[in-house]
Amino acid sequence: MTVKKMKSLYARLEQIQSEISDIHAAAQDVLDKKSAKWQESEKGEILANRISYLEDALSNIDSLMSNLDEASYEAD
């Protein structure tokens, strides 16, 4: 039963990861299309920070998914 719940959580995390990846890609696309001067502005820094936080979130989700995957191999 516990392994089944972990696998369900893993699947939900995959969906969240996908949604965050989409947001990250869209934000990165916006930043890439802006001029270097805009990127150095306050708005540019805010967007760059947002992108960085999204990258951190994705990394943390990857780690969590890896841990759940490993734990799901353990016997109940």
C-alpha atoms as a PDB file:
ATOM      1  CA  MET A   1       0.000   0.000   0.000  1.00  0.00           C
ATOM      2  CA  THR A   2       2.746   2.479   0.893  1.00  0.00           C
ATOM      3  CA  VAL A   3       4.629   1.822  -2.347  1.00  0.00           C
ATOM      4  CA  LYS A   4       1.441   2.452  -4.300  1.00  0.00           C
ATOM      5  CA  LYS A   5       1.025   5.822  -2.565  1.00  0.00           C
ATOM      6  CA  MET A   6       4.639   6.759  -3.307  1.00  0.00           C
ATOM      7  CA  LYS A   7       4.172   5.911  -6.970  1.00  0.00           C
ATOM      8  CA  SER A   8       1.035   8.054  -7.020  1.00  0.00           C
ATOM      9  CA  LEU A   9       2.955  10.939  -5.476  1.00  0.00           C
ATOM     10  CA  TYR A  10       5.719  10.430  -8.041  1.00  0.00           C
ATOM     11  CA  ALA A  11       3.203  10.733 -10.872  1.00  0.00           C
ATOM     12  CA  ARG A  12       1.776  13.936  -9.360  1.00  0.00           C
ATOM     13  CA  LEU A  13       5.288  15.344  -9.035  1.00  0.00           C
ATOM     14  CA  GLU A  14       5.910  14.575 -12.707  1.00  0.00           C
ATOM     15  CA  GLN A  15       2.866  16.693 -13.583  1.00  0.00           C
ATOM     16  CA  ILE A  16       4.022  19.536 -11.331  1.00  0.00           C
ATOM     17  CA  GLN A  17       7.510  19.296 -12.798  1.00  0.00           C
ATOM     18  CA  SER A  18       6.068  19.569 -16.301  1.00  0.00           C
ATOM     19  CA  GLU A  19       4.020  22.647 -15.386  1.00  0.00           C
ATOM     20  CA  ILE A  20       6.988  24.358 -13.753  1.00  0.00           C
ATOM     21  CA  SER A  21       9.137  23.500 -16.792  1.00  0.00           C
ATOM     22  CA  ASP A  22       6.569  25.176 -19.039  1.00  0.00           C
ATOM     23  CA  ILE A  23       6.571  28.314 -16.862  1.00  0.00           C
ATOM     24  CA  HIS A  24      10.374  28.311 -16.792  1.00  0.00           C
ATOM     25  CA  ALA A  25      10.623  27.965 -20.577  1.00  0.00           C
ATOM     26  CA  ALA A  26       8.161  30.811 -21.131  1.00  0.00           C
ATOM     27  CA  ALA A  27      10.003  33.094 -18.691  1.00  0.00           C
ATOM     28  CA  GLN A  28      13.372  32.226 -20.235  1.00  0.00           C
ATOM     29  CA  ASP A  29      11.977  32.930 -23.693  1.00  0.00           C
ATOM     30  CA  VAL A  30      10.790  36.373 -22.578  1.00  0.00           C
ATOM     31  CA  LEU A  31      14.162  37.154 -21.014  1.00  0.00           C
ATOM     32  CA  ASP A  32      16.068  35.964 -24.079  1.00  0.00           C
ATOM     33  CA  LYS A  33      14.032  38.230 -26.366  1.00  0.00           C
ATOM     34  CA  LYS A  34      14.754  41.348 -24.298  1.00  0.00           C
ATOM     35  CA  SER A  35      17.737  43.614 -24.838  1.00  0.00           C
ATOM     36  CA  ALA A  36      20.804  43.391 -22.628  1.00  0.00           C
ATOM     37  CA  LYS A  37      19.909  46.799 -21.184  1.00  0.00           C
ATOM     38  CA  TRP A  38      16.423  45.591 -20.228  1.00  0.00           C
ATOM     39  CA  GLN A  39      17.868  42.423 -18.716  1.00  0.00           C
ATOM     40  CA  GLU A  40      20.046  44.587 -16.462  1.00  0.00           C
ATOM     41  CA  SER A  41      17.075  46.712 -15.369  1.00  0.00           C
ATOM     42  CA  GLU A  42      15.071  46.073 -12.207  1.00  0.00           C
ATOM     43  CA  LYS A  43      12.401  44.212 -14.177  1.00  0.00           C
ATOM     44  CA  GLY A  44      15.073  42.133 -15.875  1.00  0.00           C
ATOM     45  CA  GLU A  45      16.653  41.237 -12.559  1.00  0.00           C
ATOM     46  CA  ILE A  46      13.265  40.261 -11.142  1.00  0.00           C
ATOM     47  CA  LEU A  47      12.614  37.978 -14.112  1.00  0.00           C
ATOM     48  CA  ALA A  48      16.130  36.499 -13.910  1.00  0.00           C
ATOM     49  CA  ASN A  49      15.600  35.811 -10.197  1.00  0.00           C
ATOM     50  CA  ARG A  50      12.246  34.179 -10.950  1.00  0.00           C
ATOM     51  CA  ILE A  51      13.927  31.943 -13.516  1.00  0.00           C
ATOM     52  CA  SER A  52      16.596  31.012 -10.991  1.00  0.00           C
ATOM     53  CA  TYR A  53      13.986  30.112  -8.375  1.00  0.00           C
ATOM     54  CA  LEU A  54      12.143  27.975 -10.915  1.00  0.00           C
ATOM     55  CA  GLU A  55      15.403  26.177 -11.734  1.00  0.00           C
ATOM     56  CA  ASP A  56      15.945  25.546  -8.022  1.00  0.00           C
ATOM     57  CA  ALA A  57      12.395  24.218  -7.711  1.00  0.00           C
ATOM     58  CA  LEU A  58      12.941  21.868 -10.647  1.00  0.00           C
ATOM     59  CA  SER A  59      16.174  20.623  -9.126  1.00  0.00           C
ATOM     60  CA  ASN A  60      14.461  20.015  -5.793  1.00  0.00           C
ATOM     61  CA  ILE A  61      11.617  18.157  -7.482  1.00  0.00           C
ATOM     62  CA  ASP A  62      14.156  16.006  -9.350  1.00  0.00           C
ATOM     63  CA  SER A  63      15.788  15.130  -6.045  1.00  0.00           C
ATOM     64  CA  LEU A  64      12.448  14.379  -4.406  1.00  0.00           C
ATOM     65  CA  MET A  65      11.386  12.194  -7.306  1.00  0.00           C
ATOM     66  CA  SER A  66      14.663  10.314  -7.154  1.00  0.00           C
ATOM     67  CA  ASN A  67      14.216   9.720  -3.431  1.00  0.00           C
ATOM     68  CA  LEU A  68      10.628   8.541  -3.903  1.00  0.00           C
ATOM     69  CA  ASP A  69      11.720   6.241  -6.704  1.00  0.00           C
ATOM     70  CA  GLU A  70      14.418   4.706  -4.510  1.00  0.00           C
ATOM     71  CA  ALA A  71      12.036   4.380  -1.555  1.00  0.00           C
ATOM     72  CA  SER A  72       9.411   2.644  -3.682  1.00  0.00           C
ATOM     73  CA  TYR A  73      11.812  -0.281  -4.163  1.00  0.00           C
ATOM     74  CA  GLU A  74      11.894  -0.914  -0.441  1.00  0.00           C
ATOM     75  CA  ALA A  75       9.663  -3.670   0.848  1.00  0.00           C
ATOM     76  CA  ASP A  76       6.568  -2.673   2.814  1.00  0.00           C
END
